[in-house]
PDB file of N, CA and C in Angstrom:
ATOM      1  N   UNK A   1       8.435 124.564 218.132  1.00  0.00           N
ATOM      2  CA  UNK A   1       7.778 123.296 218.246  1.00  0.00           C
ATOM      3  C   UNK A   1       8.427 122.264 217.337  1.00  0.00           C
ATOM      4  N   UNK A   2       8.739 122.625 216.105  1.00  0.00           N
ATOM      5  CA  UNK A   2       9.363 121.665 215.202  1.00  0.00           C
ATOM      6  C   UNK A   2      10.726 121.245 215.712  1.00  0.00           C
ATOM      7  N   UNK A   3      11.404 122.134 216.441  1.00  0.00           N
ATOM      8  CA  UNK A   3      12.689 121.777 217.025  1.00  0.00           C
ATOM      9  C   UNK A   3      12.522 120.653 218.039  1.00  0.00           C
ATOM     10  N   UNK A   4      11.458 120.716 218.862  1.00  0.00           N
ATOM     11  CA  UNK A   4      11.207 119.647 219.827  1.00  0.00           C
ATOM     12  C   UNK A   4      10.884 118.338 219.127  1.00  0.00           C
ATOM     13  N   UNK A   5      10.133 118.400 218.027  1.00  0.00           N
ATOM     14  CA  UNK A   5       9.813 117.192 217.274  1.00  0.00           C
ATOM     15  C   UNK A   5      11.075 116.620 216.652  1.00  0.00           C
ATOM     16  N   UNK A   6      11.948 117.481 216.133  1.00  0.00           N
ATOM     17  CA  UNK A   6      13.212 117.009 215.579  1.00  0.00           C
ATOM     18  C   UNK A   6      14.071 116.367 216.662  1.00  0.00           C
ATOM     19  N   UNK A   7      14.081 116.961 217.857  1.00  0.00           N
ATOM     20  CA  UNK A   7      14.825 116.376 218.964  1.00  0.00           C
ATOM     21  C   UNK A   7      14.267 115.012 219.325  1.00  0.00           C
ATOM     22  N   UNK A   8      12.950 114.867 219.300  1.00  0.00           N
ATOM     23  CA  UNK A   8      12.315 113.586 219.599  1.00  0.00           C
ATOM     24  C   UNK A   8      12.712 112.552 218.554  1.00  0.00           C
ATOM     25  N   UNK A   9      12.697 112.932 217.284  1.00  0.00           N
ATOM     26  CA  UNK A   9      13.082 112.003 216.219  1.00  0.00           C
ATOM     27  C   UNK A   9      14.540 111.587 216.361  1.00  0.00           C
ATOM     28  N   UNK A  10      15.410 112.533 216.714  1.00  0.00           N
ATOM     29  CA  UNK A  10      16.817 112.224 216.926  1.00  0.00           C
ATOM     30  C   UNK A  10      16.986 111.266 218.091  1.00  0.00           C
ATOM     31  N   UNK A  11      16.227 111.489 219.155  1.00  0.00           N
ATOM     32  CA  UNK A  11      16.297 110.614 220.322  1.00  0.00           C
ATOM     33  C   UNK A  11      15.845 109.210 219.974  1.00  0.00           C
ATOM     34  N   UNK A  12      14.786 109.089 219.192  1.00  0.00           N
ATOM     35  CA  UNK A  12      14.296 107.769 218.793  1.00  0.00           C
ATOM     36  C   UNK A  12      15.363 107.041 217.991  1.00  0.00           C
ATOM     37  N   UNK A  13      15.969 107.716 217.016  1.00  0.00           N
ATOM     38  CA  UNK A  13      16.977 107.041 216.197  1.00  0.00           C
ATOM     39  C   UNK A  13      18.224 106.721 217.014  1.00  0.00           C
ATOM     40  N   UNK A  14      18.591 107.579 217.960  1.00  0.00           N
ATOM     41  CA  UNK A  14      19.745 107.285 218.814  1.00  0.00           C
ATOM     42  C   UNK A  14      19.458 106.086 219.700  1.00  0.00           C
ATOM     43  N   UNK A  15      18.249 105.999 220.226  1.00  0.00           N
ATOM     44  CA  UNK A  15      17.874 104.848 221.043  1.00  0.00           C
ATOM     45  C   UNK A  15      17.891 103.569 220.221  1.00  0.00           C
ATOM     46  N   UNK A  16      17.457 103.643 218.974  1.00  0.00           N
ATOM     47  CA  UNK A  16      17.431 102.455 218.124  1.00  0.00           C
ATOM     48  C   UNK A  16      18.829 101.976 217.787  1.00  0.00           C
ATOM     49  N   UNK A  17      19.763 102.895 217.583  1.00  0.00           N
ATOM     50  CA  UNK A  17      21.101 102.491 217.175  1.00  0.00           C
ATOM     51  C   UNK A  17      21.998 102.138 218.351  1.00  0.00           C
ATOM     52  N   UNK A  18      21.804 102.760 219.505  1.00  0.00           N
ATOM     53  CA  UNK A  18      22.724 102.540 220.617  1.00  0.00           C
ATOM     54  C   UNK A  18      22.212 101.564 221.653  1.00  0.00           C
ATOM     55  N   UNK A  19      20.947 101.223 221.592  1.00  0.00           N
ATOM     56  CA  UNK A  19      20.359 100.367 222.610  1.00  0.00           C
ATOM     57  C   UNK A  19      20.319  98.930 222.099  1.00  0.00           C
ATOM     58  N   UNK A  20      21.063  98.040 222.761  1.00  0.00           N
ATOM     59  CA  UNK A  20      21.090  96.642 222.343  1.00  0.00           C
ATOM     60  C   UNK A  20      19.878  95.880 222.837  1.00  0.00           C
ATOM     61  N   UNK A  21      19.150  96.450 223.756  1.00  0.00           N
ATOM     62  CA  UNK A  21      17.971  95.790 224.312  1.00  0.00           C
ATOM     63  C   UNK A  21      16.891  95.695 223.254  1.00  0.00           C
ATOM     64  N   UNK A  22      16.292  94.542 223.181  1.00  0.00           N
ATOM     65  CA  UNK A  22      15.209  94.400 222.225  1.00  0.00           C
ATOM     66  C   UNK A  22      13.943  94.978 222.828  1.00  0.00           C
ATOM     67  N   UNK A  23      13.120  95.497 221.989  1.00  0.00           N
ATOM     68  CA  UNK A  23      11.865  96.071 222.440  1.00  0.00           C
ATOM     69  C   UNK A  23      11.060  96.525 221.245  1.00  0.00           C
ATOM     70  N   UNK A  24       9.819  96.768 221.483  1.00  0.00           N
ATOM     71  CA  UNK A  24       8.945  97.186 220.399  1.00  0.00           C
ATOM     72  C   UNK A  24       9.164  98.660 220.079  1.00  0.00           C
ATOM     73  N   UNK A  25       8.685  99.052 218.930  1.00  0.00           N
ATOM     74  CA  UNK A  25       8.777 100.462 218.560  1.00  0.00           C
ATOM     75  C   UNK A  25       7.937 101.309 219.507  1.00  0.00           C
ATOM     76  N   UNK A  26       6.882 100.715 220.068  1.00  0.00           N
ATOM     77  CA  UNK A  26       6.044 101.427 221.027  1.00  0.00           C
ATOM     78  C   UNK A  26       6.849 101.763 222.283  1.00  0.00           C
ATOM     79  N   UNK A  27       7.649 100.812 222.756  1.00  0.00           N
ATOM     80  CA  UNK A  27       8.517 101.069 223.912  1.00  0.00           C
ATOM     81  C   UNK A  27       9.560 102.122 223.585  1.00  0.00           C
ATOM     82  N   UNK A  28      10.104 102.054 222.379  1.00  0.00           N
ATOM     83  CA  UNK A  28      11.099 103.049 221.951  1.00  0.00           C
ATOM     84  C   UNK A  28      10.489 104.447 221.908  1.00  0.00           C
ATOM     85  N   UNK A  29       9.244 104.531 221.431  1.00  0.00           N
ATOM     86  CA  UNK A  29       8.568 105.826 221.392  1.00  0.00           C
ATOM     87  C   UNK A  29       8.391 106.370 222.808  1.00  0.00           C
ATOM     88  N   UNK A  30       7.973 105.520 223.729  1.00  0.00           N
ATOM     89  CA  UNK A  30       7.777 105.951 225.116  1.00  0.00           C
ATOM     90  C   UNK A  30       9.109 106.380 225.738  1.00  0.00           C
ATOM     91  N   UNK A  31      10.169 105.638 225.452  1.00  0.00           N
ATOM     92  CA  UNK A  31      11.496 106.011 225.965  1.00  0.00           C
ATOM     93  C   UNK A  31      11.951 107.349 225.401  1.00  0.00           C
ATOM     94  N   UNK A  32      11.687 107.580 224.125  1.00  0.00           N
ATOM     95  CA  UNK A  32      12.065 108.853 223.503  1.00  0.00           C
ATOM     96  C   UNK A  32      11.300 110.014 224.121  1.00  0.00           C
ATOM     97  N   UNK A  33      10.002 109.820 224.367  1.00  0.00           N
ATOM     98  CA  UNK A  33       9.228 110.872 225.036  1.00  0.00           C
ATOM     99  C   UNK A  33       9.799 111.132 226.422  1.00  0.00           C
ATOM    100  N   UNK A  34      10.157 110.064 227.124  1.00  0.00           N
ATOM    101  CA  UNK A  34      10.753 110.230 228.454  1.00  0.00           C
ATOM    102  C   UNK A  34      12.043 111.020 228.401  1.00  0.00           C
ATOM    103  N   UNK A  35      12.875 110.723 227.415  1.00  0.00           N
ATOM    104  CA  UNK A  35      14.134 111.449 227.265  1.00  0.00           C
ATOM    105  C   UNK A  35      13.891 112.927 226.949  1.00  0.00           C
ATOM    106  N   UNK A  36      12.900 113.196 226.094  1.00  0.00           N
ATOM    107  CA  UNK A  36      12.572 114.592 225.761  1.00  0.00           C
ATOM    108  C   UNK A  36      12.065 115.339 226.991  1.00  0.00           C
ATOM    109  N   UNK A  37      11.257 114.661 227.804  1.00  0.00           N
ATOM    110  CA  UNK A  37      10.753 115.292 229.033  1.00  0.00           C
ATOM    111  C   UNK A  37      11.877 115.517 230.041  1.00  0.00           C
ATOM    112  N   UNK A  38      12.809 114.561 230.134  1.00  0.00           N
ATOM    113  CA  UNK A  38      13.965 114.741 231.018  1.00  0.00           C
ATOM    114  C   UNK A  38      14.802 115.945 230.602  1.00  0.00           C
ATOM    115  N   UNK A  39      15.014 116.077 229.293  1.00  0.00           N
ATOM    116  CA  UNK A  39      15.799 117.199 228.784  1.00  0.00           C
ATOM    117  C   UNK A  39      15.117 118.531 229.102  1.00  0.00           C
ATOM    118  N   UNK A  40      13.805 118.567 228.927  1.00  0.00           N
ATOM    119  CA  UNK A  40      13.068 119.798 229.224  1.00  0.00           C
ATOM    120  C   UNK A  40      13.100 120.101 230.721  1.00  0.00           C
ATOM    121  N   UNK A  41      13.014 119.070 231.549  1.00  0.00           N
ATOM    122  CA  UNK A  41      13.102 119.272 232.999  1.00  0.00           C
ATOM    123  C   UNK A  41      14.466 119.857 233.366  1.00  0.00           C
ATOM    124  N   UNK A  42      15.515 119.396 232.694  1.00  0.00           N
ATOM    125  CA  UNK A  42      16.850 119.958 232.931  1.00  0.00           C
ATOM    126  C   UNK A  42      16.892 121.435 232.562  1.00  0.00           C
ATOM    127  N   UNK A  43      16.232 121.813 231.469  1.00  0.00           N
ATOM    128  CA  UNK A  43      16.168 123.229 231.077  1.00  0.00           C
ATOM    129  C   UNK A  43      15.480 124.061 232.162  1.00  0.00           C
ATOM    130  N   UNK A  44      14.419 123.524 232.728  1.00  0.00           N
ATOM    131  CA  UNK A  44      13.695 124.237 233.783  1.00  0.00           C
ATOM    132  C   UNK A  44      14.566 124.384 235.020  1.00  0.00           C
ATOM    133  N   UNK A  45      15.283 123.334 235.371  1.00  0.00           N
ATOM    134  CA  UNK A  45      16.175 123.398 236.535  1.00  0.00           C
ATOM    135  C   UNK A  45      17.246 124.459 236.317  1.00  0.00           C
ATOM    136  N   UNK A  46      17.808 124.500 235.114  1.00  0.00           N
ATOM    137  CA  UNK A  46      18.834 125.509 234.804  1.00  0.00           C
ATOM    138  C   UNK A  46      18.281 126.920 234.949  1.00  0.00           C
ATOM    139  N   UNK A  47      17.087 127.142 234.399  1.00  0.00           N
ATOM    140  CA  UNK A  47      16.461 128.465 234.518  1.00  0.00           C
ATOM    141  C   UNK A  47      16.155 128.804 235.977  1.00  0.00           C
ATOM    142  N   UNK A  48      15.724 127.826 236.742  1.00  0.00           N
ATOM    143  CA  UNK A  48      15.401 128.043 238.157  1.00  0.00           C
ATOM    144  C   UNK A  48      16.640 128.415 238.954  1.00  0.00           C
ATOM    145  N   UNK A  49      17.740 127.742 238.654  1.00  0.00           N
ATOM    146  CA  UNK A  49      18.988 128.036 239.367  1.00  0.00           C
ATOM    147  C   UNK A  49      19.458 129.463 239.115  1.00  0.00           C
ATOM    148  N   UNK A  50      19.191 129.976 237.929  1.00  0.00           N
ATOM    149  CA  UNK A  50      19.560 131.360 237.644  1.00  0.00           C
ATOM    150  C   UNK A  50      18.732 132.326 238.486  1.00  0.00           C
ATOM    151  N   UNK A  51      17.488 131.974 238.755  1.00  0.00           N
ATOM    152  CA  UNK A  51      16.661 132.824 239.615  1.00  0.00           C
ATOM    153  C   UNK A  51      17.156 132.787 241.044  1.00  0.00           C
ATOM    154  N   UNK A  52      17.577 131.623 241.492  1.00  0.00           N
ATOM    155  CA  UNK A  52      18.067 131.483 242.862  1.00  0.00           C
ATOM    156  C   UNK A  52      19.340 132.295 243.060  1.00  0.00           C
ATOM    157  N   UNK A  53      20.137 132.414 242.002  1.00  0.00           N
ATOM    158  CA  UNK A  53      21.390 133.157 242.094  1.00  0.00           C
ATOM    159  C   UNK A  53      21.186 134.667 242.108  1.00  0.00           C
ATOM    160  N   UNK A  54      19.962 135.120 242.104  1.00  0.00           N
ATOM    161  CA  UNK A  54      19.680 136.538 242.217  1.00  0.00           C
ATOM    162  C   UNK A  54      19.381 137.245 240.907  1.00  0.00           C
ATOM    163  N   UNK A  55      19.263 136.509 239.818  1.00  0.00           N
ATOM    164  CA  UNK A  55      18.972 137.125 238.522  1.00  0.00           C
ATOM    165  C   UNK A  55      17.466 137.178 238.309  1.00  0.00           C
ATOM    166  N   UNK A  56      16.773 137.776 239.251  1.00  0.00           N
ATOM    167  CA  UNK A  56      15.309 137.803 239.179  1.00  0.00           C
ATOM    168  C   UNK A  56      14.809 138.974 238.338  1.00  0.00           C
ATOM    169  N   UNK A  57      15.189 138.950 237.093  1.00  0.00           N
ATOM    170  CA  UNK A  57      14.726 139.981 236.171  1.00  0.00           C
ATOM    171  C   UNK A  57      13.450 139.492 235.486  1.00  0.00           C
ATOM    172  N   UNK A  58      12.667 140.409 234.980  1.00  0.00           N
ATOM    173  CA  UNK A  58      11.474 139.981 234.236  1.00  0.00           C
ATOM    174  C   UNK A  58      11.817 139.034 233.081  1.00  0.00           C
ATOM    175  N   UNK A  59      12.952 139.256 232.447  1.00  0.00           N
ATOM    176  CA  UNK A  59      13.357 138.396 231.348  1.00  0.00           C
ATOM    177  C   UNK A  59      13.569 136.957 231.830  1.00  0.00           C
ATOM    178  N   UNK A  60      14.266 136.787 232.947  1.00  0.00           N
ATOM    179  CA  UNK A  60      14.514 135.448 233.477  1.00  0.00           C
ATOM    180  C   UNK A  60      13.220 134.772 233.917  1.00  0.00           C
ATOM    181  N   UNK A  61      12.353 135.527 234.540  1.00  0.00           N
ATOM    182  CA  UNK A  61      11.071 134.965 234.989  1.00  0.00           C
ATOM    183  C   UNK A  61      10.229 134.550 233.788  1.00  0.00           C
ATOM    184  N   UNK A  62      10.243 135.364 232.739  1.00  0.00           N
ATOM    185  CA  UNK A  62       9.498 135.038 231.526  1.00  0.00           C
ATOM    186  C   UNK A  62      10.064 133.795 230.857  1.00  0.00           C
ATOM    187  N   UNK A  63      11.390 133.678 230.816  1.00  0.00           N
ATOM    188  CA  UNK A  63      12.011 132.478 230.240  1.00  0.00           C
ATOM    189  C   UNK A  63      11.622 131.224 231.028  1.00  0.00           C
ATOM    190  N   UNK A  64      11.630 131.327 232.345  1.00  0.00           N
ATOM    191  CA  UNK A  64      11.245 130.185 233.170  1.00  0.00           C
ATOM    192  C   UNK A  64       9.786 129.819 232.920  1.00  0.00           C
ATOM    193  N   UNK A  65       8.937 130.812 232.807  1.00  0.00           N
ATOM    194  CA  UNK A  65       7.522 130.555 232.510  1.00  0.00           C
ATOM    195  C   UNK A  65       7.360 129.871 231.156  1.00  0.00           C
ATOM    196  N   UNK A  66       8.108 130.329 230.174  1.00  0.00           N
ATOM    197  CA  UNK A  66       8.032 129.733 228.836  1.00  0.00           C
ATOM    198  C   UNK A  66       8.508 128.285 228.857  1.00  0.00           C
ATOM    199  N   UNK A  67       9.591 128.018 229.582  1.00  0.00           N
ATOM    200  CA  UNK A  67      10.100 126.644 229.676  1.00  0.00           C
ATOM    201  C   UNK A  67       9.092 125.748 230.398  1.00  0.00           C
ATOM    202  N   UNK A  68       8.434 126.290 231.406  1.00  0.00           N
ATOM    203  CA  UNK A  68       7.420 125.514 232.129  1.00  0.00           C
ATOM    204  C   UNK A  68       6.229 125.203 231.234  1.00  0.00           C
ATOM    205  N   UNK A  69       5.822 126.176 230.426  1.00  0.00           N
ATOM    206  CA  UNK A  69       4.722 125.939 229.487  1.00  0.00           C
ATOM    207  C   UNK A  69       5.117 124.904 228.435  1.00  0.00           C
ATOM    208  N   UNK A  70       6.363 124.972 227.986  1.00  0.00           N
ATOM    209  CA  UNK A  70       6.851 123.982 227.025  1.00  0.00           C
ATOM    210  C   UNK A  70       6.828 122.586 227.634  1.00  0.00           C
ATOM    211  N   UNK A  71       7.177 122.483 228.912  1.00  0.00           N
ATOM    212  CA  UNK A  71       7.135 121.193 229.602  1.00  0.00           C
ATOM    213  C   UNK A  71       5.706 120.656 229.633  1.00  0.00           C
ATOM    214  N   UNK A  72       4.749 121.529 229.912  1.00  0.00           N
ATOM    215  CA  UNK A  72       3.345 121.120 229.905  1.00  0.00           C
ATOM    216  C   UNK A  72       2.899 120.647 228.532  1.00  0.00           C
ATOM    217  N   UNK A  73       3.329 121.366 227.503  1.00  0.00           N
ATOM    218  CA  UNK A  73       2.988 120.981 226.138  1.00  0.00           C
ATOM    219  C   UNK A  73       3.577 119.615 225.804  1.00  0.00           C
ATOM    220  N   UNK A  74       4.857 119.413 226.119  1.00  0.00           N
ATOM    221  CA  UNK A  74       5.500 118.128 225.835  1.00  0.00           C
ATOM    222  C   UNK A  74       4.843 116.997 226.616  1.00  0.00           C
ATOM    223  N   UNK A  75       4.512 117.266 227.861  1.00  0.00           N
ATOM    224  CA  UNK A  75       3.881 116.244 228.688  1.00  0.00           C
ATOM    225  C   UNK A  75       2.525 115.845 228.127  1.00  0.00           C
ATOM    226  N   UNK A  76       1.724 116.828 227.757  1.00  0.00           N
ATOM    227  CA  UNK A  76       0.414 116.541 227.154  1.00  0.00           C
ATOM    228  C   UNK A  76       0.557 115.814 225.826  1.00  0.00           C
ATOM    229  N   UNK A  77       1.534 116.217 225.021  1.00  0.00           N
ATOM    230  CA  UNK A  77       1.760 115.567 223.734  1.00  0.00           C
ATOM    231  C   UNK A  77       2.208 114.123 223.921  1.00  0.00           C
ATOM    232  N   UNK A  78       3.078 113.885 224.899  1.00  0.00           N
ATOM    233  CA  UNK A  78       3.537 112.525 225.178  1.00  0.00           C
ATOM    234  C   UNK A  78       2.363 111.652 225.596  1.00  0.00           C
ATOM    235  N   UNK A  79       1.562 112.163 226.496  1.00  0.00           N
ATOM    236  CA  UNK A  79       0.408 111.405 226.969  1.00  0.00           C
ATOM    237  C   UNK A  79      -0.547 111.089 225.819  1.00  0.00           C
ATOM    238  N   UNK A  80      -0.852 112.104 225.022  1.00  0.00           N
ATOM    239  CA  UNK A  80      -1.800 111.923 223.924  1.00  0.00           C
ATOM    240  C   UNK A  80      -1.280 110.923 222.901  1.00  0.00           C
ATOM    241  N   UNK A  81      -0.016 111.045 222.520  1.00  0.00           N
ATOM    242  CA  UNK A  81       0.502 110.140 221.486  1.00  0.00           C
ATOM    243  C   UNK A  81       0.594 108.705 221.997  1.00  0.00           C
ATOM    244  N   UNK A  82       1.067 108.516 223.222  1.00  0.00           N
ATOM    245  CA  UNK A  82       1.170 107.165 223.776  1.00  0.00           C
ATOM    246  C   UNK A  82      -0.217 106.559 223.953  1.00  0.00           C
ATOM    247  N   UNK A  83      -1.148 107.357 224.446  1.00  0.00           N
ATOM    248  CA  UNK A  83      -2.515 106.874 224.627  1.00  0.00           C
ATOM    249  C   UNK A  83      -3.164 106.520 223.286  1.00  0.00           C
ATOM    250  N   UNK A  84      -3.007 107.364 222.288  1.00  0.00           N
ATOM    251  CA  UNK A  84      -3.605 107.120 220.974  1.00  0.00           C
ATOM    252  C   UNK A  84      -3.029 105.870 220.320  1.00  0.00           C
ATOM    253  N   UNK A  85      -1.718 105.736 220.362  1.00  0.00           N
ATOM    254  CA  UNK A  85      -1.088 104.561 219.762  1.00  0.00           C
ATOM    255  C   UNK A  85      -1.487 103.305 220.529  1.00  0.00           C
ATOM    256  N   UNK A  86      -1.522 103.389 221.854  1.00  0.00           N
ATOM    257  CA  UNK A  86      -1.932 102.246 222.659  1.00  0.00           C
ATOM    258  C   UNK A  86      -3.349 101.809 222.354  1.00  0.00           C
ATOM    259  N   UNK A  87      -4.240 102.758 222.208  1.00  0.00           N
ATOM    260  CA  UNK A  87      -5.627 102.446 221.864  1.00  0.00           C
ATOM    261  C   UNK A  87      -5.712 101.818 220.475  1.00  0.00           C
ATOM    262  N   UNK A  88      -4.933 102.332 219.546  1.00  0.00           N
ATOM    263  CA  UNK A  88      -4.915 101.772 218.189  1.00  0.00           C
ATOM    264  C   UNK A  88      -4.394 100.342 218.197  1.00  0.00           C
ATOM    265  N   UNK A  89      -3.335 100.095 218.948  1.00  0.00           N
ATOM    266  CA  UNK A  89      -2.795  98.737 219.037  1.00  0.00           C
ATOM    267  C   UNK A  89      -3.802  97.790 219.684  1.00  0.00           C
ATOM    268  N   UNK A  90      -4.502  98.291 220.683  1.00  0.00           N
ATOM    269  CA  UNK A  90      -5.535  97.476 221.339  1.00  0.00           C
ATOM    270  C   UNK A  90      -6.645  97.121 220.355  1.00  0.00           C
ATOM    271  N   UNK A  91      -7.083  98.094 219.572  1.00  0.00           N
ATOM    272  CA  UNK A  91      -8.121  97.857 218.570  1.00  0.00           C
ATOM    273  C   UNK A  91      -7.627  96.864 217.514  1.00  0.00           C
ATOM    274  N   UNK A  92      -6.410  97.037 217.076  1.00  0.00           N
ATOM    275  CA  UNK A  92      -5.839  96.135 216.083  1.00  0.00           C
ATOM    276  C   UNK A  92      -5.757  94.714 216.630  1.00  0.00           C
ATOM    277  N   UNK A  93      -5.379  94.569 217.880  1.00  0.00           N
ATOM    278  CA  UNK A  93      -5.266  93.237 218.492  1.00  0.00           C
ATOM    279  C   UNK A  93      -6.649  92.563 218.578  1.00  0.00           C
ATOM    280  N   UNK A  94      -7.674  93.336 218.842  1.00  0.00           N
ATOM    281  CA  UNK A  94      -9.031  92.769 218.945  1.00  0.00           C
ATOM    282  C   UNK A  94      -9.531  92.276 217.588  1.00  0.00           C
ATOM    283  N   UNK A  95      -9.109  92.900 216.517  1.00  0.00           N
ATOM    284  CA  UNK A  95      -9.605  92.554 215.187  1.00  0.00           C
ATOM    285  C   UNK A  95      -8.870  91.359 214.587  1.00  0.00           C
ATOM    286  N   UNK A  96      -7.815  90.939 215.203  1.00  0.00           N
ATOM    287  CA  UNK A  96      -7.059  89.814 214.644  1.00  0.00           C
ATOM    288  C   UNK A  96      -7.462  88.509 215.260  1.00  0.00           C
TER     289      UNK A  96
END
């Protein structure tokens, strides 16, 4: 799990340094979550292709299941963090 968080932090800093487009940190966070989800989807596709090639061993099936569960975790985490920050920003805007 900490590896995924480190990857997300790396993605955020890479987006900040390489992206000339102006945008809020909230947009950058959403873009970083999107990039992390894209990367995880690529991992799932890679695992799936190995199954299609005939490597239908319990180990391969278990790895695919684990990658799918990780995708669900990342997706839920992305939704929760974006929703929480959005709600906080909305509350902050109302108080000003």
